[in-house]
């Protein structure tokens, strides 16, 4: 008799994630999305809201540029309130340690980057371990592959390099490995959550992928995980122990044509027959790595939010029925965010929208259709044993 999979890693199956990018934009502006969305100001409200919705595990970020503005001098005052507030509300945190941004004056391509990042990660885990009970969950580098593309291939993120994406990816893998070694010296039981986008690309309609560009683009999604696990580029030092929990990020625009970049429209019905259902992408990740899987990020925008989470719930049920050991599903972002390069453009993608007040405060307003569908989805997953 088949025994249904029972998630056990996190405090709740449903997670929340706060947008926390802190890279420099093309215009040279340092982002700090935790400050910009006032999550750092309304921590108590935000964590209380999560608990009321049954979201007891959260992805949040230790901002490296704030903790170590001067090499070797660590100041965790910007983290203190997060630790205290999470503890008071019974919220478990999965800590991002590099969410696209690092301290000024540090060269991404220099060997010193790897060594300094490892020391920062070791110091951070020491700080958290002394103040947090239970298992520590850490994402050393958020979306390593996307990060390498944005910072090294197309010049979108600082240092705005071009055609050096592969070089950046290898450097970040080195940093990941060194960081894991440093963290495990402090806490051998630290758990690693490696979040990367799951994608699918196809040739344009009516054309064959004769040159293999679309297939190669799809295959590239595995590179970072393969390198970390030592299955590719073993000279970087990877090995099976460096890949722990797979975090699969998925949005409506994760499937597109190559070449050209035209998206396979999720919202158009009947849907493009080249679209691959999410549960099949999850199954592919499970069959390749055989690691616990978390849906690390997912959400939609505007009026599509409720429909999206309803379909994701359908896909979760199909994935677990196919044998994928899903440990959680993270709604990201949980409060609204603006476009990195355009602070006037808000995405309307959170469970809570942000209403601008006369005094400058960003009031949290629950999006009712999204919330109602989330509650239905929570009940549906609880019925199949995914309600913890």
Protein backbone atom coordinates (compact mmCIF):
# COMPACT_ATOMS: atom_id res chain seq x y z
CA UNK A 1 0.00 0.00 0.00
CA UNK A 2 1.33 3.44 -0.98
CA UNK A 3 2.07 5.69 2.01
CA UNK A 4 1.39 9.38 1.21
CA UNK A 5 4.35 11.71 1.62
CA UNK A 6 4.21 13.81 4.80
CA UNK A 7 6.21 17.08 4.79
CA UNK A 8 8.39 17.46 7.86
CA UNK A 9 11.10 20.05 7.22
CA UNK A 10 9.36 23.35 7.92
CA UNK A 11 7.02 24.68 10.56
CA UNK A 12 4.29 25.09 7.95
CA UNK A 13 3.85 23.76 4.41
CA UNK A 14 2.86 27.24 3.25
CA UNK A 15 5.70 29.77 3.41
CA UNK A 16 5.95 33.50 2.78
CA UNK A 17 8.83 35.39 1.20
CA UNK A 18 9.71 39.07 1.45
CA UNK A 19 11.29 40.75 -1.57
CA UNK A 20 14.77 41.65 -0.34
CA UNK A 21 16.96 42.45 -3.34
CA UNK A 22 19.81 44.79 -2.46
CA UNK A 23 21.91 45.06 -5.64
CA UNK A 24 22.86 48.25 -7.44
CA UNK A 25 20.70 49.20 -10.41
CA UNK A 26 21.95 50.35 -13.81
CA UNK A 27 21.61 53.88 -12.47
CA UNK A 28 23.95 53.08 -9.58
CA UNK A 29 21.21 53.17 -6.94
CA UNK A 30 21.60 50.70 -4.09
CA UNK A 31 18.33 48.87 -3.62
CA UNK A 32 17.20 47.77 -0.19
CA UNK A 33 13.78 46.26 -0.75
CA UNK A 34 13.23 45.34 2.89
CA UNK A 35 13.50 49.03 3.70
CA UNK A 36 11.67 50.21 0.58
CA UNK A 37 8.62 48.05 1.30
CA UNK A 38 8.93 49.01 4.99
CA UNK A 39 9.11 45.37 6.06
CA UNK A 40 11.88 46.37 8.48
CA UNK A 41 9.56 49.06 9.91
CA UNK A 42 6.44 46.86 10.11
CA UNK A 43 8.05 43.58 11.12
CA UNK A 44 5.65 43.04 13.98
CA UNK A 45 2.62 43.66 11.75
CA UNK A 46 3.98 41.52 8.92
CA UNK A 47 4.81 38.52 11.07
CA UNK A 48 1.51 38.76 12.94
CA UNK A 49 -0.32 38.85 9.60
CA UNK A 50 1.53 35.74 8.45
CA UNK A 51 0.64 33.82 11.56
CA UNK A 52 -3.02 34.74 11.17
CA UNK A 53 -2.95 33.22 7.66
CA UNK A 54 -1.23 30.03 8.79
CA UNK A 55 2.13 30.98 7.27
CA UNK A 56 4.62 30.02 9.97
CA UNK A 57 7.80 29.80 7.89
CA UNK A 58 9.24 32.79 6.04
CA UNK A 59 12.07 33.61 3.66
CA UNK A 60 13.84 36.74 4.85
CA UNK A 61 17.31 38.19 4.31
CA UNK A 62 20.45 39.15 6.20
CA UNK A 63 21.69 42.15 4.22
CA UNK A 64 25.43 41.67 3.78
CA UNK A 65 26.07 45.30 2.84
CA UNK A 66 24.60 46.37 6.19
CA UNK A 67 26.22 43.72 8.34
CA UNK A 68 29.77 44.08 6.98
CA UNK A 69 30.26 47.51 5.39
CA UNK A 70 33.92 47.33 6.45
CA UNK A 71 35.79 44.10 5.82
CA UNK A 72 36.04 41.95 8.94
CA UNK A 73 33.78 44.15 11.10
CA UNK A 74 30.34 42.62 11.65
CA UNK A 75 27.37 44.58 12.94
CA UNK A 76 24.19 42.51 13.24
CA UNK A 77 22.00 45.32 14.58
CA UNK A 78 19.97 45.23 11.33
CA UNK A 79 19.19 41.55 11.99
CA UNK A 80 18.37 41.77 15.68
CA UNK A 81 14.73 42.85 15.30
CA UNK A 82 14.05 40.06 12.77
CA UNK A 83 15.32 37.39 15.15
CA UNK A 84 13.44 38.80 18.12
CA UNK A 85 10.16 39.37 16.27
CA UNK A 86 10.21 35.97 14.59
CA UNK A 87 10.78 34.30 17.93
CA UNK A 88 7.97 36.22 19.58
CA UNK A 89 5.48 35.27 16.85
CA UNK A 90 6.63 31.68 16.49
CA UNK A 91 7.84 32.30 12.94
CA UNK A 92 10.61 30.13 11.47
CA UNK A 93 13.00 31.89 9.08
CA UNK A 94 14.89 30.63 6.04
CA UNK A 95 17.70 33.19 5.83
CA UNK A 96 19.01 34.47 2.48
CA UNK A 97 22.64 35.60 2.86
CA UNK A 98 23.33 36.98 -0.62
CA UNK A 99 20.30 38.41 -2.39
CA UNK A 100 22.12 39.98 -5.35
CA UNK A 101 23.96 42.66 -3.36
CA UNK A 102 27.26 42.85 -1.48
CA UNK A 103 29.33 45.53 0.31
CA UNK A 104 30.76 48.43 -1.65
CA UNK A 105 34.38 48.14 -2.74
CA UNK A 106 34.33 44.36 -3.10
CA UNK A 107 35.08 42.98 -6.59
CA UNK A 108 32.85 40.07 -7.58
CA UNK A 109 35.60 38.63 -9.79
CA UNK A 110 38.33 38.75 -7.15
CA UNK A 111 39.33 35.71 -5.08
CA UNK A 112 38.81 37.92 -2.04
CA UNK A 113 35.08 37.86 -2.76
CA UNK A 114 34.90 34.13 -2.05
CA UNK A 115 36.93 34.34 1.15
CA UNK A 116 35.07 37.36 2.50
CA UNK A 117 31.67 35.86 1.73
CA UNK A 118 32.62 32.67 3.56
CA UNK A 119 33.69 34.63 6.65
CA UNK A 120 30.45 36.62 6.57
CA UNK A 121 28.37 33.44 6.32
CA UNK A 122 30.24 31.80 9.17
CA UNK A 123 29.80 34.87 11.37
CA UNK A 124 26.10 35.08 10.48
CA UNK A 125 25.39 31.47 11.35
CA UNK A 126 27.26 31.95 14.64
CA UNK A 127 25.08 34.98 15.43
CA UNK A 128 21.85 33.16 14.51
CA UNK A 129 22.82 29.91 16.22
CA UNK A 130 23.31 31.71 19.53
CA UNK A 131 19.85 33.26 19.28
CA UNK A 132 17.70 30.69 17.49
CA UNK A 133 16.44 27.31 18.65
CA UNK A 134 15.97 24.37 16.30
CA UNK A 135 17.30 23.85 12.80
CA UNK A 136 18.85 26.77 10.97
CA UNK A 137 17.76 27.05 7.33
CA UNK A 138 19.97 29.15 5.06
CA UNK A 139 20.05 30.09 1.38
CA UNK A 140 23.68 31.12 0.86
CA UNK A 141 23.05 32.68 -2.59
CA UNK A 142 19.61 33.45 -3.96
CA UNK A 143 19.00 32.31 -7.56
CA UNK A 144 22.65 31.79 -8.39
CA UNK A 145 21.95 31.16 -12.10
CA UNK A 146 19.73 34.21 -12.59
CA UNK A 147 22.17 36.29 -10.56
CA UNK A 148 25.07 35.22 -12.82
CA UNK A 149 23.05 36.04 -15.94
CA UNK A 150 21.90 39.44 -14.66
CA UNK A 151 25.29 40.55 -13.27
CA UNK A 152 27.62 38.85 -15.71
CA UNK A 153 25.87 38.23 -19.02
CA UNK A 154 23.52 41.12 -19.80
CA UNK A 155 24.80 43.92 -17.54
CA UNK A 156 21.57 44.32 -15.60
CA UNK A 157 22.97 44.08 -12.05
CA UNK A 158 26.22 45.46 -10.65
CA UNK A 159 29.00 45.03 -11.81
CA UNK A 160 27.07 45.22 -15.13
CA UNK A 161 29.38 42.82 -16.94
CA UNK A 162 28.54 41.34 -20.33
CA UNK A 163 29.28 37.94 -21.82
CA UNK A 164 30.88 36.82 -18.55
CA UNK A 165 27.88 34.97 -17.13
CA UNK A 166 29.62 31.61 -17.06
CA UNK A 167 32.56 33.13 -15.21
CA UNK A 168 30.26 34.71 -12.64
CA UNK A 169 28.37 31.43 -12.16
CA UNK A 170 31.59 29.56 -11.43
CA UNK A 171 32.69 32.26 -9.00
CA UNK A 172 29.38 32.11 -7.16
CA UNK A 173 29.59 28.31 -6.96
CA UNK A 174 33.04 28.68 -5.37
CA UNK A 175 31.55 31.16 -2.93
CA UNK A 176 28.67 28.79 -2.13
CA UNK A 177 31.04 25.92 -1.36
CA UNK A 178 33.36 28.04 0.79
CA UNK A 179 30.37 29.48 2.64
CA UNK A 180 28.92 26.05 3.38
CA UNK A 181 32.25 24.90 4.79
CA UNK A 182 32.43 27.99 7.02
CA UNK A 183 28.84 27.62 8.24
CA UNK A 184 29.22 23.93 9.02
CA UNK A 185 32.25 24.65 11.16
CA UNK A 186 29.86 26.62 13.37
CA UNK A 187 26.75 24.46 12.99
CA UNK A 188 27.18 21.06 11.30
CA UNK A 189 23.39 20.70 11.18
CA UNK A 190 22.66 23.84 9.14
CA UNK A 191 20.26 23.07 6.25
CA UNK A 192 20.82 24.58 2.82
CA UNK A 193 18.00 25.74 0.56
CA UNK A 194 19.20 26.26 -3.03
CA UNK A 195 16.63 28.27 -4.98
CA UNK A 196 16.75 28.39 -8.78
CA UNK A 197 14.12 29.02 -11.46
CA UNK A 198 12.55 26.02 -13.19
CA UNK A 199 12.20 26.91 -16.87
CA UNK A 200 11.17 25.43 -20.20
CA UNK A 201 12.09 26.87 -23.60
CA UNK A 202 10.97 25.90 -27.10
CA UNK A 203 11.65 26.84 -30.71
CA UNK A 204 9.34 29.48 -32.24
CA UNK A 205 6.05 28.19 -33.58
CA UNK A 206 6.47 26.35 -36.87
CA UNK A 207 10.23 25.99 -36.56
CA UNK A 208 12.34 23.04 -35.48
CA UNK A 209 15.03 23.43 -32.84
CA UNK A 210 17.59 22.34 -35.42
CA UNK A 211 20.53 24.13 -33.81
CA UNK A 212 19.55 23.01 -30.32
CA UNK A 213 19.34 26.53 -28.87
CA UNK A 214 16.04 25.96 -27.07
CA UNK A 215 17.13 22.60 -25.69
CA UNK A 216 20.43 24.09 -24.51
CA UNK A 217 18.63 26.93 -22.76
CA UNK A 218 16.38 24.49 -20.93
CA UNK A 219 19.35 22.32 -19.99
CA UNK A 220 21.20 25.34 -18.57
CA UNK A 221 18.78 25.50 -15.64
CA UNK A 222 20.62 22.55 -14.07
CA UNK A 223 24.14 23.99 -14.28
CA UNK A 224 24.34 25.64 -10.85
CA UNK A 225 22.85 22.66 -9.02
CA UNK A 226 25.10 20.29 -10.98
CA UNK A 227 28.19 22.34 -10.10
CA UNK A 228 27.28 22.57 -6.43
CA UNK A 229 26.72 18.80 -6.32
CA UNK A 230 30.01 18.10 -8.10
CA UNK A 231 28.28 16.57 -11.13
CA UNK A 232 29.71 19.25 -13.41
CA UNK A 233 32.98 21.24 -13.22
CA UNK A 234 34.34 19.18 -10.30
CA UNK A 235 37.40 21.43 -10.16
CA UNK A 236 35.19 23.98 -8.38
CA UNK A 237 35.10 21.69 -5.34
CA UNK A 238 31.45 20.71 -5.34
CA UNK A 239 30.11 17.46 -3.98
CA UNK A 240 26.84 15.78 -3.00
CA UNK A 241 26.91 17.27 0.50
CA UNK A 242 26.72 20.84 -0.79
CA UNK A 243 23.31 20.33 -2.39
CA UNK A 244 20.59 19.83 0.19
CA UNK A 245 17.06 21.18 -0.31
CA UNK A 246 16.03 22.12 -3.85
CA UNK A 247 14.10 25.39 -4.06
CA UNK A 248 12.18 25.50 -7.35
CA UNK A 249 11.01 28.99 -8.35
CA UNK A 250 8.23 29.26 -10.90
CA UNK A 251 6.30 32.18 -12.39
CA UNK A 252 4.00 32.67 -15.37
CA UNK A 253 6.91 33.85 -17.56
CA UNK A 254 9.27 30.91 -16.93
CA UNK A 255 8.51 29.37 -20.34
CA UNK A 256 9.47 31.10 -23.60
CA UNK A 257 10.68 30.76 -27.17
CA UNK A 258 14.36 30.57 -28.10
CA UNK A 259 15.45 32.48 -30.06
CA UNK A 260 13.31 35.57 -29.71
CA UNK A 261 12.22 35.39 -26.10
CA UNK A 262 8.47 35.41 -26.77
CA UNK A 263 6.68 34.15 -23.65
CA UNK A 264 4.32 31.20 -23.72
CA UNK A 265 1.27 33.04 -22.42
CA UNK A 266 -0.10 31.45 -19.28
CA UNK A 267 -3.29 33.51 -19.17
CA UNK A 268 -4.45 32.79 -22.74
CA UNK A 269 -6.92 29.93 -23.15
CA UNK A 270 -6.74 27.46 -24.72
CA UNK A 271 -3.15 27.42 -23.56
CA UNK A 272 -0.21 26.96 -25.90
CA UNK A 273 0.28 23.21 -26.35
CA UNK A 274 4.03 23.69 -25.83
CA UNK A 275 3.47 24.76 -22.22
CA UNK A 276 4.76 22.14 -19.77
CA UNK A 277 2.66 21.80 -16.60
CA UNK A 278 4.48 22.76 -13.43
CA UNK A 279 4.13 19.32 -11.86
CA UNK A 280 6.13 17.83 -14.71
CA UNK A 281 8.92 20.36 -14.20
CA UNK A 282 8.97 19.51 -10.49
CA UNK A 283 9.09 15.81 -11.30
CA UNK A 284 12.07 16.44 -13.57
CA UNK A 285 13.96 18.17 -10.76
CA UNK A 286 13.13 15.37 -8.32
CA UNK A 287 14.20 12.61 -10.70
CA UNK A 288 17.47 14.40 -11.44
CA UNK A 289 18.59 15.15 -7.86
CA UNK A 290 16.49 13.08 -5.46
CA UNK A 291 16.55 15.87 -2.88
CA UNK A 292 13.68 17.34 -0.83
CA UNK A 293 11.93 20.03 -2.86
CA UNK A 294 10.46 23.37 -1.83
CA UNK A 295 8.59 25.64 -4.23
CA UNK A 296 10.87 28.54 -3.38
CA UNK A 297 8.93 31.34 -5.08
CA UNK A 298 5.65 31.65 -6.89
CA UNK A 299 2.94 34.27 -7.38
CA UNK A 300 1.15 36.26 -10.04
CA UNK A 301 0.00 39.86 -10.50
CA UNK A 302 -3.24 41.80 -10.36
CA UNK A 303 -6.48 39.94 -10.88
CA UNK A 304 -4.58 36.78 -11.86
CA UNK A 305 -3.34 36.10 -8.34
CA UNK A 306 -6.25 33.91 -7.24
CA UNK A 307 -6.35 31.90 -10.48
CA UNK A 308 -2.60 31.35 -10.32
CA UNK A 309 -2.54 29.98 -6.77
CA UNK A 310 -5.51 27.76 -7.59
CA UNK A 311 -3.61 26.24 -10.52
CA UNK A 312 -0.38 25.92 -8.51
CA UNK A 313 -2.37 24.02 -5.90
CA UNK A 314 -3.65 21.68 -8.62
CA UNK A 315 -0.07 21.14 -9.74
CA UNK A 316 1.14 20.45 -6.19
CA UNK A 317 -1.48 17.72 -5.84
CA UNK A 318 -0.40 16.19 -9.16
CA UNK A 319 3.30 16.43 -8.25
CA UNK A 320 2.90 14.72 -4.89
CA UNK A 321 0.70 12.03 -6.48
CA UNK A 322 3.59 11.40 -8.90
CA UNK A 323 5.97 10.92 -5.99
CA UNK A 324 7.62 14.33 -5.64
CA UNK A 325 8.44 14.94 -1.95
CA UNK A 326 7.28 18.54 -1.74
CA UNK A 327 8.18 20.10 1.60
CA UNK A 328 6.58 23.49 1.11
CA UNK A 329 5.22 26.24 -1.11
CA UNK A 330 6.44 29.82 -0.72
CA UNK A 331 4.28 32.76 -1.77
CA UNK A 332 6.72 35.38 -3.03
CA UNK A 333 6.50 38.28 -2.63
CA UNK A 334 4.09 38.16 0.26
CA UNK A 335 3.71 41.95 0.33
CA UNK A 336 3.76 43.97 -2.87
CA UNK A 337 6.97 45.20 -4.47
CA UNK A 338 7.97 47.74 -7.08
CA UNK A 339 9.99 47.22 -10.26
CA UNK A 340 13.73 47.37 -9.46
CA UNK A 341 14.48 49.92 -12.19
CA UNK A 342 11.22 51.85 -11.76
CA UNK A 343 10.09 52.59 -8.18
CA UNK A 344 6.84 54.08 -9.52
CA UNK A 345 5.73 50.72 -10.97
CA UNK A 346 4.26 48.44 -8.32
CA UNK A 347 3.52 44.86 -9.37
CA UNK A 348 0.38 44.20 -7.27
CA UNK A 349 1.71 40.71 -6.69
CA UNK A 350 1.51 40.25 -2.92
CA UNK A 351 -1.04 38.70 -0.63
CA UNK A 352 -0.98 42.17 0.87
CA UNK A 353 -1.02 45.27 -1.33
CA UNK A 354 0.65 48.42 -0.04
CA UNK A 355 -1.41 51.56 0.38
CA UNK A 356 0.55 54.81 0.57
CA UNK A 357 -0.41 56.95 3.55
CA UNK A 358 -0.02 60.71 3.90
CA UNK A 359 2.72 60.25 6.50
CA UNK A 360 4.74 58.04 4.14
CA UNK A 361 3.76 54.73 5.75
CA UNK A 362 2.87 51.80 3.52
CA UNK A 363 -0.32 50.32 4.96
CA UNK A 364 -0.81 46.58 4.43
CA UNK A 365 -4.11 45.81 2.69
CA UNK A 366 -5.11 42.16 2.31
CA UNK A 367 -6.06 41.25 -1.26
CA UNK A 368 -9.37 39.53 -0.57
CA UNK A 369 -9.74 37.38 -3.73
CA UNK A 370 -6.18 36.09 -3.32
CA UNK A 371 -6.70 35.47 0.41
CA UNK A 372 -9.97 33.61 -0.15
CA UNK A 373 -8.39 31.38 -2.79
CA UNK A 374 -5.38 30.78 -0.53
CA UNK A 375 -7.65 29.60 2.27
CA UNK A 376 -9.41 27.23 -0.13
CA UNK A 377 -6.05 25.98 -1.35
CA UNK A 378 -4.84 25.44 2.19
CA UNK A 379 -7.92 23.33 2.92
CA UNK A 380 -7.46 21.35 -0.30
CA UNK A 381 -3.83 20.53 0.46
CA UNK A 382 -4.66 19.68 4.08
CA UNK A 383 -7.06 17.06 2.74
CA UNK A 384 -4.15 15.30 1.00
CA UNK A 385 -1.79 15.59 3.97
CA UNK A 386 -0.03 18.82 3.04
CA UNK A 387 -1.53 21.05 5.67
CA UNK A 388 1.27 21.33 8.22
